[in-house]
N, C-alpha and C. Protein backbone atom coordinates (compact mmCIF):
# COMPACT_ATOMS: atom_id res chain seq x y z
N MET A 1 11.36 191.58 129.93
CA MET A 1 10.10 192.25 130.09
C MET A 1 9.33 192.17 128.78
N ILE A 2 8.05 191.89 128.89
CA ILE A 2 7.18 191.80 127.73
C ILE A 2 6.20 192.95 127.79
N ILE A 3 6.06 193.66 126.70
CA ILE A 3 5.10 194.75 126.63
C ILE A 3 4.07 194.38 125.58
N ILE A 4 2.83 194.36 125.97
CA ILE A 4 1.76 194.05 125.05
C ILE A 4 0.92 195.30 124.90
N LYS A 5 0.72 195.74 123.66
CA LYS A 5 -0.09 196.93 123.42
C LYS A 5 -1.13 196.61 122.38
N LYS A 6 -2.26 197.23 122.52
CA LYS A 6 -3.30 197.16 121.51
C LYS A 6 -3.49 198.57 121.00
N TYR A 7 -3.35 198.74 119.71
CA TYR A 7 -3.51 200.07 119.13
C TYR A 7 -4.84 200.18 118.42
N LYS A 8 -5.52 201.23 118.71
CA LYS A 8 -6.71 201.58 117.95
C LYS A 8 -6.91 203.06 118.16
N THR A 9 -6.74 203.81 117.14
CA THR A 9 -6.99 205.24 117.26
C THR A 9 -8.25 205.56 116.51
N THR A 10 -8.93 206.56 116.98
CA THR A 10 -10.16 206.97 116.33
C THR A 10 -9.97 208.37 115.79
N ASN A 11 -10.71 208.70 114.79
CA ASN A 11 -10.73 210.06 114.29
C ASN A 11 -11.74 210.83 115.12
N SER A 12 -11.27 211.27 116.24
CA SER A 12 -12.16 211.91 117.20
C SER A 12 -12.64 213.25 116.69
N ALA A 13 -13.94 213.48 116.81
CA ALA A 13 -14.53 214.75 116.41
C ALA A 13 -14.67 215.67 117.62
N LEU A 14 -14.03 215.31 118.73
CA LEU A 14 -14.11 216.14 119.92
C LEU A 14 -13.38 217.45 119.67
N LYS A 15 -14.04 218.58 119.91
CA LYS A 15 -13.45 219.87 119.58
C LYS A 15 -12.46 220.33 120.64
N THR A 16 -12.89 220.43 121.87
CA THR A 16 -12.02 220.81 122.96
C THR A 16 -11.79 219.56 123.77
N LYS A 17 -10.68 218.92 123.52
CA LYS A 17 -10.46 217.63 124.15
C LYS A 17 -9.18 217.64 124.97
N ILE A 18 -9.14 216.69 125.86
CA ILE A 18 -7.95 216.48 126.67
C ILE A 18 -7.65 214.99 126.62
N ARG A 19 -6.39 214.64 126.60
CA ARG A 19 -5.96 213.24 126.57
C ARG A 19 -5.56 212.83 127.99
N ILE A 20 -6.17 211.75 128.46
CA ILE A 20 -5.94 211.25 129.82
C ILE A 20 -5.30 209.88 129.75
N ILE A 21 -4.28 209.66 130.57
CA ILE A 21 -3.74 208.31 130.76
C ILE A 21 -4.17 207.83 132.14
N GLY A 22 -4.77 206.66 132.16
CA GLY A 22 -5.11 206.00 133.41
C GLY A 22 -4.11 204.91 133.67
N ILE A 23 -3.69 204.78 134.91
CA ILE A 23 -2.69 203.77 135.30
C ILE A 23 -3.27 202.89 136.40
N ASP A 24 -3.23 201.58 136.16
CA ASP A 24 -3.57 200.58 137.17
C ASP A 24 -2.24 199.96 137.60
N PRO A 25 -1.66 200.45 138.70
CA PRO A 25 -0.30 200.04 139.05
C PRO A 25 -0.22 198.65 139.65
N GLY A 26 0.88 198.01 139.42
CA GLY A 26 1.18 196.72 140.01
C GLY A 26 2.67 196.45 139.87
N SER A 27 3.24 195.73 140.82
CA SER A 27 4.68 195.46 140.75
C SER A 27 5.01 194.38 139.73
N ARG A 28 4.01 193.61 139.31
CA ARG A 28 4.20 192.56 138.29
C ARG A 28 3.51 192.91 136.98
N VAL A 29 2.33 193.50 137.05
CA VAL A 29 1.59 193.91 135.86
C VAL A 29 1.02 195.31 136.11
N THR A 30 1.34 196.22 135.23
CA THR A 30 0.83 197.59 135.30
C THR A 30 0.02 197.84 134.03
N GLY A 31 -1.25 198.18 134.21
CA GLY A 31 -2.10 198.48 133.07
C GLY A 31 -2.11 199.96 132.77
N TYR A 32 -2.31 200.28 131.49
CA TYR A 32 -2.48 201.67 131.11
C TYR A 32 -3.60 201.77 130.09
N GLY A 33 -4.30 202.89 130.10
CA GLY A 33 -5.37 203.15 129.16
C GLY A 33 -5.41 204.64 128.86
N ILE A 34 -5.57 204.97 127.60
CA ILE A 34 -5.57 206.38 127.19
C ILE A 34 -6.86 206.70 126.45
N LEU A 35 -7.49 207.78 126.90
CA LEU A 35 -8.74 208.27 126.32
C LEU A 35 -8.59 209.74 125.94
N ASP A 36 -9.29 210.14 124.89
CA ASP A 36 -9.50 211.56 124.61
C ASP A 36 -10.91 211.87 125.08
N THR A 37 -11.08 213.02 125.70
CA THR A 37 -12.40 213.39 126.21
C THR A 37 -12.60 214.89 126.15
N ASP A 38 -13.85 215.27 126.00
CA ASP A 38 -14.21 216.68 126.17
C ASP A 38 -14.90 216.87 127.52
N GLY A 39 -14.85 215.82 128.35
CA GLY A 39 -15.48 215.84 129.66
C GLY A 39 -16.85 215.19 129.65
N PHE A 40 -17.40 214.98 128.47
CA PHE A 40 -18.72 214.36 128.34
C PHE A 40 -18.67 213.13 127.44
N ARG A 41 -17.97 213.25 126.32
CA ARG A 41 -17.80 212.13 125.39
C ARG A 41 -16.36 211.65 125.46
N HIS A 42 -16.20 210.32 125.46
CA HIS A 42 -14.87 209.73 125.61
C HIS A 42 -14.55 208.90 124.38
N SER A 43 -13.33 209.04 123.91
CA SER A 43 -12.88 208.34 122.72
C SER A 43 -11.64 207.51 123.06
N TYR A 44 -11.69 206.22 122.78
CA TYR A 44 -10.58 205.31 123.04
C TYR A 44 -9.40 205.66 122.14
N VAL A 45 -8.22 205.70 122.73
CA VAL A 45 -6.99 205.93 121.97
C VAL A 45 -6.17 204.66 121.93
N THR A 46 -5.76 204.15 123.09
CA THR A 46 -4.99 202.92 123.16
C THR A 46 -5.01 202.39 124.58
N SER A 47 -4.63 201.15 124.74
CA SER A 47 -4.49 200.57 126.07
C SER A 47 -3.58 199.37 125.98
N GLY A 48 -3.12 198.92 127.11
CA GLY A 48 -2.25 197.75 127.16
C GLY A 48 -1.79 197.52 128.58
N PHE A 49 -0.83 196.65 128.70
CA PHE A 49 -0.27 196.40 130.02
C PHE A 49 1.20 196.07 129.90
N LEU A 50 1.90 196.38 130.97
CA LEU A 50 3.32 196.11 131.06
C LEU A 50 3.50 194.92 131.98
N SER A 51 4.09 193.88 131.47
CA SER A 51 4.37 192.70 132.27
C SER A 51 5.81 192.82 132.76
N ILE A 52 5.97 193.04 134.05
CA ILE A 52 7.27 193.32 134.64
C ILE A 52 7.83 192.03 135.23
N GLU A 53 9.00 191.63 134.75
CA GLU A 53 9.60 190.38 135.21
C GLU A 53 10.84 190.66 136.06
N GLY A 54 11.22 189.67 136.84
CA GLY A 54 12.40 189.76 137.68
C GLY A 54 12.03 189.71 139.15
N GLU A 55 12.98 189.31 139.96
CA GLU A 55 12.76 189.20 141.40
C GLU A 55 13.20 190.45 142.15
N ASP A 56 14.05 191.26 141.56
CA ASP A 56 14.60 192.44 142.20
C ASP A 56 13.60 193.60 142.12
N LEU A 57 12.97 193.95 143.25
CA LEU A 57 11.95 194.99 143.26
C LEU A 57 12.47 196.33 142.75
N PRO A 58 13.63 196.81 143.18
CA PRO A 58 14.10 198.09 142.64
C PRO A 58 14.23 198.08 141.11
N GLN A 59 14.67 196.97 140.55
CA GLN A 59 14.78 196.87 139.09
C GLN A 59 13.39 196.92 138.44
N ARG A 60 12.42 196.24 139.03
CA ARG A 60 11.06 196.26 138.49
C ARG A 60 10.47 197.67 138.57
N LEU A 61 10.73 198.36 139.67
CA LEU A 61 10.24 199.73 139.81
C LEU A 61 10.86 200.64 138.75
N GLY A 62 12.14 200.44 138.47
CA GLY A 62 12.82 201.19 137.41
C GLY A 62 12.20 200.92 136.06
N MET A 63 11.80 199.66 135.83
CA MET A 63 11.15 199.30 134.56
C MET A 63 9.78 199.97 134.45
N ILE A 64 9.04 200.01 135.55
CA ILE A 64 7.73 200.68 135.53
C ILE A 64 7.92 202.14 135.17
N PHE A 65 8.85 202.82 135.83
CA PHE A 65 9.11 204.23 135.53
C PHE A 65 9.48 204.40 134.07
N GLN A 66 10.39 203.59 133.59
CA GLN A 66 10.89 203.70 132.22
C GLN A 66 9.78 203.44 131.19
N GLU A 67 9.01 202.40 131.39
CA GLU A 67 7.99 202.04 130.40
C GLU A 67 6.78 202.96 130.44
N VAL A 68 6.36 203.40 131.63
CA VAL A 68 5.27 204.38 131.70
C VAL A 68 5.74 205.68 131.06
N SER A 69 6.98 206.06 131.29
CA SER A 69 7.55 207.26 130.65
C SER A 69 7.52 207.13 129.13
N ARG A 70 7.85 205.95 128.63
CA ARG A 70 7.85 205.70 127.19
C ARG A 70 6.44 205.83 126.62
N VAL A 71 5.44 205.26 127.31
CA VAL A 71 4.05 205.36 126.85
C VAL A 71 3.61 206.82 126.85
N ILE A 72 3.96 207.56 127.89
CA ILE A 72 3.61 208.99 127.97
C ILE A 72 4.25 209.75 126.81
N GLU A 73 5.51 209.48 126.55
CA GLU A 73 6.20 210.17 125.47
C GLU A 73 5.57 209.85 124.11
N GLU A 74 5.19 208.61 123.91
CA GLU A 74 4.62 208.19 122.64
C GLU A 74 3.22 208.77 122.40
N TRP A 75 2.36 208.77 123.44
CA TRP A 75 0.96 209.13 123.25
C TRP A 75 0.61 210.53 123.73
N ARG A 76 1.50 211.21 124.41
CA ARG A 76 1.36 212.61 124.83
C ARG A 76 0.06 212.95 125.57
N PRO A 77 -0.26 212.23 126.65
CA PRO A 77 -1.43 212.63 127.44
C PRO A 77 -1.16 213.96 128.13
N GLU A 78 -2.24 214.63 128.52
CA GLU A 78 -2.12 215.92 129.19
C GLU A 78 -2.36 215.84 130.68
N THR A 79 -2.87 214.71 131.14
CA THR A 79 -3.12 214.51 132.56
C THR A 79 -3.08 213.01 132.85
N MET A 80 -2.82 212.67 134.11
CA MET A 80 -2.72 211.27 134.52
C MET A 80 -3.66 211.03 135.70
N ALA A 81 -4.27 209.85 135.69
CA ALA A 81 -5.08 209.41 136.83
C ALA A 81 -4.56 208.04 137.25
N ILE A 82 -4.54 207.80 138.54
CA ILE A 82 -4.00 206.56 139.07
C ILE A 82 -4.84 206.08 140.25
N GLU A 83 -4.87 204.79 140.42
CA GLU A 83 -5.64 204.21 141.52
C GLU A 83 -4.88 204.36 142.84
N GLN A 84 -5.61 204.69 143.90
CA GLN A 84 -5.01 204.79 145.23
C GLN A 84 -4.77 203.39 145.79
N VAL A 85 -3.85 203.30 146.71
CA VAL A 85 -3.55 202.03 147.38
C VAL A 85 -4.59 201.76 148.45
N PHE A 86 -4.97 200.52 148.56
CA PHE A 86 -5.83 200.11 149.67
C PHE A 86 -5.17 198.90 150.32
N VAL A 87 -5.29 198.78 151.61
CA VAL A 87 -4.72 197.66 152.34
C VAL A 87 -5.84 196.68 152.64
N ASN A 88 -5.72 195.50 152.11
CA ASN A 88 -6.73 194.47 152.35
C ASN A 88 -6.25 193.62 153.52
N ARG A 89 -5.53 192.56 153.24
CA ARG A 89 -5.01 191.71 154.31
C ARG A 89 -3.49 191.67 154.31
N ASN A 90 -2.89 191.72 153.14
CA ASN A 90 -1.46 191.54 153.02
C ASN A 90 -0.77 192.91 152.95
N VAL A 91 -0.17 193.31 154.06
CA VAL A 91 0.50 194.61 154.14
C VAL A 91 1.70 194.65 153.21
N ASP A 92 2.43 193.54 153.07
CA ASP A 92 3.60 193.50 152.17
C ASP A 92 3.18 193.78 150.73
N SER A 93 2.07 193.20 150.29
CA SER A 93 1.56 193.45 148.93
C SER A 93 1.17 194.92 148.76
N ALA A 94 0.54 195.49 149.79
CA ALA A 94 0.14 196.89 149.73
C ALA A 94 1.37 197.80 149.62
N LEU A 95 2.44 197.46 150.34
CA LEU A 95 3.66 198.27 150.26
C LEU A 95 4.28 198.19 148.87
N LYS A 96 4.31 197.00 148.28
CA LYS A 96 4.85 196.85 146.92
C LYS A 96 3.99 197.60 145.91
N LEU A 97 2.67 197.53 146.08
CA LEU A 97 1.76 198.26 145.20
C LEU A 97 2.00 199.76 145.34
N GLY A 98 2.21 200.22 146.56
CA GLY A 98 2.49 201.64 146.79
C GLY A 98 3.77 202.08 146.11
N GLN A 99 4.77 201.22 146.12
CA GLN A 99 6.02 201.55 145.44
C GLN A 99 5.85 201.57 143.92
N ALA A 100 5.05 200.64 143.39
CA ALA A 100 4.76 200.63 141.95
C ALA A 100 4.01 201.90 141.56
N ARG A 101 3.05 202.30 142.40
CA ARG A 101 2.33 203.56 142.18
C ARG A 101 3.31 204.73 142.14
N GLY A 102 4.24 204.72 143.10
CA GLY A 102 5.23 205.79 143.17
C GLY A 102 6.06 205.89 141.90
N ALA A 103 6.46 204.74 141.35
CA ALA A 103 7.25 204.74 140.12
C ALA A 103 6.43 205.32 138.96
N ALA A 104 5.15 204.94 138.88
CA ALA A 104 4.30 205.45 137.80
C ALA A 104 4.02 206.95 138.00
N ILE A 105 3.76 207.36 139.24
CA ILE A 105 3.52 208.78 139.52
C ILE A 105 4.75 209.60 139.16
N CYS A 106 5.93 209.09 139.50
CA CYS A 106 7.17 209.80 139.16
C CYS A 106 7.31 209.97 137.65
N ALA A 107 6.91 208.95 136.88
CA ALA A 107 6.96 209.06 135.42
C ALA A 107 6.03 210.19 134.95
N GLY A 108 4.84 210.27 135.54
CA GLY A 108 3.91 211.34 135.18
C GLY A 108 4.43 212.71 135.56
N VAL A 109 4.92 212.83 136.77
CA VAL A 109 5.45 214.11 137.24
C VAL A 109 6.67 214.52 136.43
N HIS A 110 7.52 213.54 136.10
CA HIS A 110 8.70 213.81 135.28
C HIS A 110 8.30 214.38 133.92
N ALA A 111 7.16 213.93 133.41
CA ALA A 111 6.64 214.43 132.13
C ALA A 111 5.80 215.69 132.30
N ARG A 112 5.76 216.23 133.53
CA ARG A 112 5.05 217.46 133.87
C ARG A 112 3.54 217.33 133.71
N LEU A 113 3.02 216.14 134.02
CA LEU A 113 1.58 215.91 133.98
C LEU A 113 0.99 216.14 135.36
N PRO A 114 -0.20 216.73 135.43
CA PRO A 114 -0.92 216.73 136.70
C PRO A 114 -1.38 215.29 136.96
N VAL A 115 -1.32 214.87 138.21
CA VAL A 115 -1.67 213.49 138.58
C VAL A 115 -2.77 213.54 139.64
N ASP A 116 -3.87 212.85 139.36
CA ASP A 116 -4.97 212.75 140.32
C ASP A 116 -5.16 211.29 140.70
N GLU A 117 -5.64 211.07 141.91
CA GLU A 117 -5.82 209.72 142.45
C GLU A 117 -7.29 209.46 142.74
N TYR A 118 -7.69 208.20 142.56
CA TYR A 118 -9.06 207.79 142.84
C TYR A 118 -9.06 206.46 143.57
N THR A 119 -9.98 206.31 144.50
CA THR A 119 -10.10 205.05 145.23
C THR A 119 -10.70 203.99 144.30
N PRO A 120 -10.40 202.72 144.55
CA PRO A 120 -11.01 201.66 143.74
C PRO A 120 -12.54 201.75 143.74
N ARG A 121 -13.12 202.08 144.87
CA ARG A 121 -14.57 202.19 144.98
C ARG A 121 -15.12 203.33 144.11
N ALA A 122 -14.45 204.47 144.11
CA ALA A 122 -14.88 205.61 143.29
C ALA A 122 -14.79 205.29 141.80
N ILE A 123 -13.76 204.57 141.42
CA ILE A 123 -13.57 204.19 140.01
C ILE A 123 -14.70 203.27 139.57
N LYS A 124 -14.97 202.25 140.38
CA LYS A 124 -16.04 201.30 140.04
C LYS A 124 -17.39 202.00 139.98
N LYS A 125 -17.63 202.89 140.92
CA LYS A 125 -18.91 203.61 140.96
C LYS A 125 -19.05 204.50 139.73
N ALA A 126 -17.96 205.10 139.28
CA ALA A 126 -18.00 206.01 138.13
C ALA A 126 -18.32 205.29 136.82
N VAL A 127 -17.88 204.05 136.68
CA VAL A 127 -18.08 203.36 135.39
C VAL A 127 -19.14 202.27 135.43
N ILE A 128 -19.42 201.71 136.61
CA ILE A 128 -20.40 200.63 136.73
C ILE A 128 -21.67 201.12 137.41
N GLY A 129 -21.53 202.06 138.33
CA GLY A 129 -22.68 202.55 139.07
C GLY A 129 -22.73 202.01 140.48
N THR A 130 -21.84 201.08 140.79
CA THR A 130 -21.73 200.56 142.15
C THR A 130 -20.25 200.38 142.48
N GLY A 131 -19.92 200.61 143.72
CA GLY A 131 -18.53 200.48 144.16
C GLY A 131 -18.11 199.04 144.43
N ALA A 132 -19.03 198.11 144.23
CA ALA A 132 -18.74 196.70 144.54
C ALA A 132 -18.61 195.84 143.29
N ALA A 133 -18.31 196.43 142.15
CA ALA A 133 -18.19 195.67 140.90
C ALA A 133 -16.93 194.80 140.92
N ASP A 134 -16.98 193.69 140.18
CA ASP A 134 -15.79 192.83 140.07
C ASP A 134 -15.05 193.13 138.77
N LYS A 135 -13.88 192.50 138.63
CA LYS A 135 -13.02 192.78 137.48
C LYS A 135 -13.70 192.45 136.15
N GLN A 136 -14.44 191.37 136.11
CA GLN A 136 -15.11 190.98 134.87
C GLN A 136 -16.16 192.02 134.46
N GLN A 137 -16.87 192.56 135.43
CA GLN A 137 -17.86 193.60 135.13
C GLN A 137 -17.18 194.85 134.55
N ILE A 138 -16.02 195.19 135.11
CA ILE A 138 -15.28 196.36 134.60
C ILE A 138 -14.83 196.10 133.17
N GLN A 139 -14.29 194.89 132.90
CA GLN A 139 -13.85 194.55 131.55
C GLN A 139 -15.01 194.69 130.56
N GLN A 140 -16.14 194.11 130.89
CA GLN A 140 -17.29 194.15 129.99
C GLN A 140 -17.82 195.56 129.79
N MET A 141 -17.89 196.33 130.87
CA MET A 141 -18.42 197.69 130.78
C MET A 141 -17.50 198.59 129.96
N MET A 142 -16.20 198.47 130.16
CA MET A 142 -15.27 199.31 129.39
C MET A 142 -15.34 198.96 127.92
N GLN A 143 -15.43 197.69 127.62
CA GLN A 143 -15.55 197.25 126.23
C GLN A 143 -16.82 197.83 125.60
N LYS A 144 -17.91 197.80 126.35
CA LYS A 144 -19.19 198.30 125.85
C LYS A 144 -19.18 199.83 125.73
N LEU A 145 -18.75 200.53 126.78
CA LEU A 145 -18.77 201.99 126.77
C LEU A 145 -17.88 202.59 125.69
N LEU A 146 -16.76 201.92 125.40
CA LEU A 146 -15.82 202.44 124.41
C LEU A 146 -16.02 201.83 123.02
N GLY A 147 -16.99 200.92 122.90
CA GLY A 147 -17.29 200.33 121.60
C GLY A 147 -16.16 199.48 121.05
N LEU A 148 -15.49 198.74 121.93
CA LEU A 148 -14.34 197.92 121.51
C LEU A 148 -14.79 196.51 121.17
N GLU A 149 -14.23 195.95 120.13
CA GLU A 149 -14.53 194.57 119.76
C GLU A 149 -13.64 193.59 120.51
N GLN A 150 -12.38 193.97 120.72
CA GLN A 150 -11.45 193.05 121.37
C GLN A 150 -11.70 193.00 122.87
N LYS A 151 -11.47 191.82 123.44
CA LYS A 151 -11.59 191.65 124.89
C LYS A 151 -10.39 192.31 125.55
N LEU A 152 -10.65 193.01 126.64
CA LEU A 152 -9.59 193.71 127.36
C LEU A 152 -9.02 192.84 128.46
N GLN A 153 -7.72 192.89 128.62
CA GLN A 153 -7.05 192.25 129.75
C GLN A 153 -7.48 193.03 131.00
N SER A 154 -7.57 192.40 132.15
CA SER A 154 -8.16 193.04 133.34
C SER A 154 -7.42 194.30 133.78
N ASP A 155 -6.09 194.31 133.71
CA ASP A 155 -5.36 195.49 134.16
C ASP A 155 -5.54 196.67 133.20
N GLU A 156 -5.61 196.40 131.90
CA GLU A 156 -5.84 197.49 130.95
C GLU A 156 -7.28 198.00 131.05
N ALA A 157 -8.24 197.10 131.31
CA ALA A 157 -9.62 197.53 131.51
C ALA A 157 -9.72 198.42 132.75
N ASP A 158 -9.02 198.03 133.82
CA ASP A 158 -9.00 198.85 135.04
C ASP A 158 -8.39 200.22 134.76
N ALA A 159 -7.31 200.26 133.97
CA ALA A 159 -6.66 201.52 133.64
C ALA A 159 -7.59 202.43 132.83
N LEU A 160 -8.32 201.85 131.89
CA LEU A 160 -9.30 202.62 131.13
C LEU A 160 -10.42 203.13 132.03
N ALA A 161 -10.83 202.32 133.00
CA ALA A 161 -11.85 202.74 133.96
C ALA A 161 -11.34 203.91 134.80
N ILE A 162 -10.08 203.88 135.18
CA ILE A 162 -9.48 204.97 135.94
C ILE A 162 -9.48 206.25 135.11
N ALA A 163 -9.09 206.13 133.83
CA ALA A 163 -9.10 207.30 132.94
C ALA A 163 -10.51 207.83 132.77
N MET A 164 -11.50 206.94 132.63
CA MET A 164 -12.87 207.38 132.45
C MET A 164 -13.42 208.02 133.73
N CYS A 165 -13.06 207.48 134.88
CA CYS A 165 -13.46 208.08 136.15
C CYS A 165 -12.93 209.52 136.22
N HIS A 166 -11.68 209.69 135.84
CA HIS A 166 -11.07 211.02 135.83
C HIS A 166 -11.80 211.94 134.85
N ALA A 167 -12.12 211.41 133.68
CA ALA A 167 -12.81 212.20 132.66
C ALA A 167 -14.19 212.64 133.13
N ASN A 168 -14.82 211.82 133.95
CA ASN A 168 -16.18 212.12 134.42
C ASN A 168 -16.22 213.13 135.56
N HIS A 169 -15.08 213.49 136.10
CA HIS A 169 -15.06 214.46 137.19
C HIS A 169 -15.07 215.88 136.63
N SER A 170 -15.74 216.76 137.31
CA SER A 170 -15.98 218.10 136.79
C SER A 170 -14.71 218.90 136.56
N HIS A 171 -13.67 218.67 137.37
CA HIS A 171 -12.46 219.48 137.16
C HIS A 171 -11.79 219.15 135.83
N VAL A 172 -12.00 217.96 135.31
CA VAL A 172 -11.45 217.61 134.00
C VAL A 172 -12.22 218.35 132.92
N ARG A 173 -13.53 218.50 133.12
CA ARG A 173 -14.32 219.28 132.17
C ARG A 173 -13.80 220.71 132.11
N LYS A 174 -13.43 221.23 133.27
CA LYS A 174 -12.89 222.59 133.31
C LYS A 174 -11.54 222.66 132.61
N ILE A 175 -10.70 221.63 132.78
CA ILE A 175 -9.40 221.60 132.09
C ILE A 175 -9.64 221.59 130.59
N GLY A 176 -10.63 220.82 130.14
CA GLY A 176 -10.93 220.76 128.72
C GLY A 176 -11.38 222.10 128.17
N ILE A 177 -12.10 222.86 128.99
CA ILE A 177 -12.59 224.16 128.55
C ILE A 177 -11.47 225.19 128.64
N VAL A 178 -10.75 225.19 129.75
CA VAL A 178 -9.61 226.10 129.93
C VAL A 178 -8.37 225.26 129.71
N HIS A 179 -8.12 224.95 128.48
CA HIS A 179 -7.05 224.01 128.12
C HIS A 179 -5.70 224.50 128.62
N GLY A 180 -4.95 223.59 129.21
CA GLY A 180 -3.61 223.91 129.67
C GLY A 180 -3.50 224.22 131.14
N SER A 181 -4.61 224.35 131.83
CA SER A 181 -4.52 224.62 133.27
C SER A 181 -4.03 223.39 134.00
N ARG A 182 -3.40 223.57 135.12
CA ARG A 182 -2.83 222.47 135.89
C ARG A 182 -3.57 222.36 137.22
N ARG A 183 -4.35 221.30 137.38
CA ARG A 183 -5.12 221.13 138.60
C ARG A 183 -4.75 219.84 139.33
N GLY A 184 -3.71 219.16 138.92
CA GLY A 184 -3.37 217.87 139.51
C GLY A 184 -2.87 217.99 140.93
N ARG A 185 -3.06 216.93 141.67
CA ARG A 185 -2.65 216.90 143.06
C ARG A 185 -1.12 216.88 143.21
N TRP A 186 -0.43 216.27 142.27
CA TRP A 186 1.01 216.07 142.40
C TRP A 186 1.83 217.14 141.71
N VAL A 187 1.22 218.03 140.97
CA VAL A 187 1.99 219.07 140.29
C VAL A 187 1.56 220.42 140.79
């Protein structure tokens, strides 16, 4: 398994902030992105992706759980956001994606994080303004919104978009104000 991470921390001046991890799940590549936010201003912390190798699905799911748990332990987010599964044409792919989501959700719940879910359309609408954006548009917009110089890999850009979508929702603003409250769907 290869883990690629890009580190960039900022000296955030956010007074009442919450750290969000966004997860773009996949059975082969799982992206993650971490932001600090006060609900209005967002500060990039780190992002990357986990490249999961092997043919044995249970082993890959175990790796997703283990590596997402490691990222959570290292960066200490206070809440998690994850993309919901959608079924396009390939039901088998959707089932594998659902299992990868489950492994990542379990890592969040194991770390006692509230976990919220967002549809791909809601995520795109929150960061692009339309629910029909493509991956390249998300990459460019996340790079621009977060003031990043480096080009983002598509899964990490998606994960950052998920975190930003979560940050833009009003209940996260309330969590930031009433720090420590638990409003997640899974906890």
